[in-house]
């Protein structure tokens, strides 16, 4: 999302940071306003890969496992 810090006008939410940045630049050209806040969210699905319930990997560091060995893989959805 792009938001003008001068007049507080903002662009429509978009999944693309490039489109939000383009809106900011068009607003600059139309108004001369130069201060903007640009923010974006990225959604993803996490996949359990080494969780003890999936493949009997030890979750206890004293038994050779990491504290959270299963929290390392994710698939980004665009």
C-alpha atoms as a PDB file:
ATOM      1  CA  UNK A   1       0.000   0.000   0.000  1.00  0.00           C
ATOM      2  CA  UNK A   2       1.232   3.466  -0.798  1.00  0.00           C
ATOM      3  CA  UNK A   3       0.145   6.442   1.304  1.00  0.00           C
ATOM      4  CA  UNK A   4       0.986  10.116   0.908  1.00  0.00           C
ATOM      5  CA  UNK A   5       2.316  11.576   4.162  1.00  0.00           C
ATOM      6  CA  UNK A   6       1.273  15.092   3.102  1.00  0.00           C
ATOM      7  CA  UNK A   7      -2.441  14.678   2.271  1.00  0.00           C
ATOM      8  CA  UNK A   8      -2.965  11.065   3.530  1.00  0.00           C
ATOM      9  CA  UNK A   9      -4.412   9.916   0.198  1.00  0.00           C
ATOM     10  CA  UNK A  10      -3.605   6.268  -0.467  1.00  0.00           C
ATOM     11  CA  UNK A  11      -3.720   3.824  -3.323  1.00  0.00           C
ATOM     12  CA  UNK A  12      -5.986   0.816  -3.467  1.00  0.00           C
ATOM     13  CA  UNK A  13      -4.494  -2.254  -1.748  1.00  0.00           C
ATOM     14  CA  UNK A  14      -2.485  -4.294  -4.206  1.00  0.00           C
ATOM     15  CA  UNK A  15      -0.451  -7.493  -3.887  1.00  0.00           C
ATOM     16  CA  UNK A  16       2.320  -5.824  -5.881  1.00  0.00           C
ATOM     17  CA  UNK A  17       4.715  -3.389  -4.205  1.00  0.00           C
ATOM     18  CA  UNK A  18       5.660  -2.160  -7.694  1.00  0.00           C
ATOM     19  CA  UNK A  19       2.077  -1.030  -8.378  1.00  0.00           C
ATOM     20  CA  UNK A  20       1.930   0.783  -5.039  1.00  0.00           C
ATOM     21  CA  UNK A  21       5.251   2.503  -5.816  1.00  0.00           C
ATOM     22  CA  UNK A  22       3.921   3.492  -9.261  1.00  0.00           C
ATOM     23  CA  UNK A  23       0.896   5.074  -7.577  1.00  0.00           C
ATOM     24  CA  UNK A  24       3.210   7.086  -5.310  1.00  0.00           C
ATOM     25  CA  UNK A  25       5.185   8.350  -8.300  1.00  0.00           C
ATOM     26  CA  UNK A  26       1.997   9.305 -10.177  1.00  0.00           C
ATOM     27  CA  UNK A  27       0.759  11.122  -7.055  1.00  0.00           C
ATOM     28  CA  UNK A  28       4.091  12.968  -6.886  1.00  0.00           C
ATOM     29  CA  UNK A  29       3.649  14.079 -10.485  1.00  0.00           C
ATOM     30  CA  UNK A  30       0.051  15.214  -9.910  1.00  0.00           C
ATOM     31  CA  UNK A  31       0.545  16.978  -6.567  1.00  0.00           C
ATOM     32  CA  UNK A  32       4.248  17.609  -5.978  1.00  0.00           C
ATOM     33  CA  UNK A  33       3.972  15.733  -2.653  1.00  0.00           C
ATOM     34  CA  UNK A  34       7.254  13.981  -1.906  1.00  0.00           C
ATOM     35  CA  UNK A  35       6.695  12.017   1.323  1.00  0.00           C
ATOM     36  CA  UNK A  36       5.213   8.529   1.152  1.00  0.00           C
ATOM     37  CA  UNK A  37       4.832   5.411   3.250  1.00  0.00           C
ATOM     38  CA  UNK A  38       5.067   2.179   1.300  1.00  0.00           C
ATOM     39  CA  UNK A  39       4.144  -1.129   2.899  1.00  0.00           C
ATOM     40  CA  UNK A  40       3.525  -4.610   1.574  1.00  0.00           C
ATOM     41  CA  UNK A  41       2.378  -7.959   2.898  1.00  0.00           C
ATOM     42  CA  UNK A  42       3.452 -11.336   1.648  1.00  0.00           C
ATOM     43  CA  UNK A  43       1.320 -14.394   2.288  1.00  0.00           C
ATOM     44  CA  UNK A  44       2.766 -17.910   2.290  1.00  0.00           C
ATOM     45  CA  UNK A  45       1.962 -21.486   3.217  1.00  0.00           C
ATOM     46  CA  UNK A  46       4.369 -23.185   5.620  1.00  0.00           C
ATOM     47  CA  UNK A  47       5.268 -26.843   5.131  1.00  0.00           C
ATOM     48  CA  UNK A  48       6.380 -29.105   7.993  1.00  0.00           C
ATOM     49  CA  UNK A  49       9.498 -30.944   6.907  1.00  0.00           C
ATOM     50  CA  UNK A  50      11.362 -32.200   9.984  1.00  0.00           C
ATOM     51  CA  UNK A  51       8.662 -32.169  12.662  1.00  0.00           C
ATOM     52  CA  UNK A  52       8.839 -35.228  14.959  1.00  0.00           C
ATOM     53  CA  UNK A  53       5.249 -36.106  14.119  1.00  0.00           C
ATOM     54  CA  UNK A  54       6.135 -36.252  10.409  1.00  0.00           C
ATOM     55  CA  UNK A  55       9.322 -38.322  10.351  1.00  0.00           C
ATOM     56  CA  UNK A  56      10.280 -39.202  13.969  1.00  0.00           C
ATOM     57  CA  UNK A  57      13.065 -36.565  14.104  1.00  0.00           C
ATOM     58  CA  UNK A  58      14.081 -35.917  17.734  1.00  0.00           C
ATOM     59  CA  UNK A  59      12.863 -32.506  18.926  1.00  0.00           C
ATOM     60  CA  UNK A  60      15.062 -32.540  22.036  1.00  0.00           C
ATOM     61  CA  UNK A  61      18.463 -30.838  21.513  1.00  0.00           C
ATOM     62  CA  UNK A  62      19.997 -33.310  23.998  1.00  0.00           C
ATOM     63  CA  UNK A  63      19.004 -36.168  21.665  1.00  0.00           C
ATOM     64  CA  UNK A  64      20.607 -34.612  18.592  1.00  0.00           C
ATOM     65  CA  UNK A  65      17.650 -32.554  17.425  1.00  0.00           C
ATOM     66  CA  UNK A  66      17.282 -28.800  17.215  1.00  0.00           C
ATOM     67  CA  UNK A  67      14.844 -26.927  19.396  1.00  0.00           C
ATOM     68  CA  UNK A  68      12.588 -26.282  16.389  1.00  0.00           C
ATOM     69  CA  UNK A  69      13.954 -28.389  13.533  1.00  0.00           C
ATOM     70  CA  UNK A  70      10.624 -28.307  11.721  1.00  0.00           C
ATOM     71  CA  UNK A  71      10.393 -24.513  11.453  1.00  0.00           C
ATOM     72  CA  UNK A  72      12.663 -24.097   8.458  1.00  0.00           C
ATOM     73  CA  UNK A  73      10.714 -24.620   5.239  1.00  0.00           C
ATOM     74  CA  UNK A  74       8.082 -22.479   3.569  1.00  0.00           C
ATOM     75  CA  UNK A  75       6.575 -22.194   0.135  1.00  0.00           C
ATOM     76  CA  UNK A  76       5.871 -18.643  -1.016  1.00  0.00           C
ATOM     77  CA  UNK A  77       2.518 -18.123  -2.706  1.00  0.00           C
ATOM     78  CA  UNK A  78       2.490 -15.238  -5.177  1.00  0.00           C
END
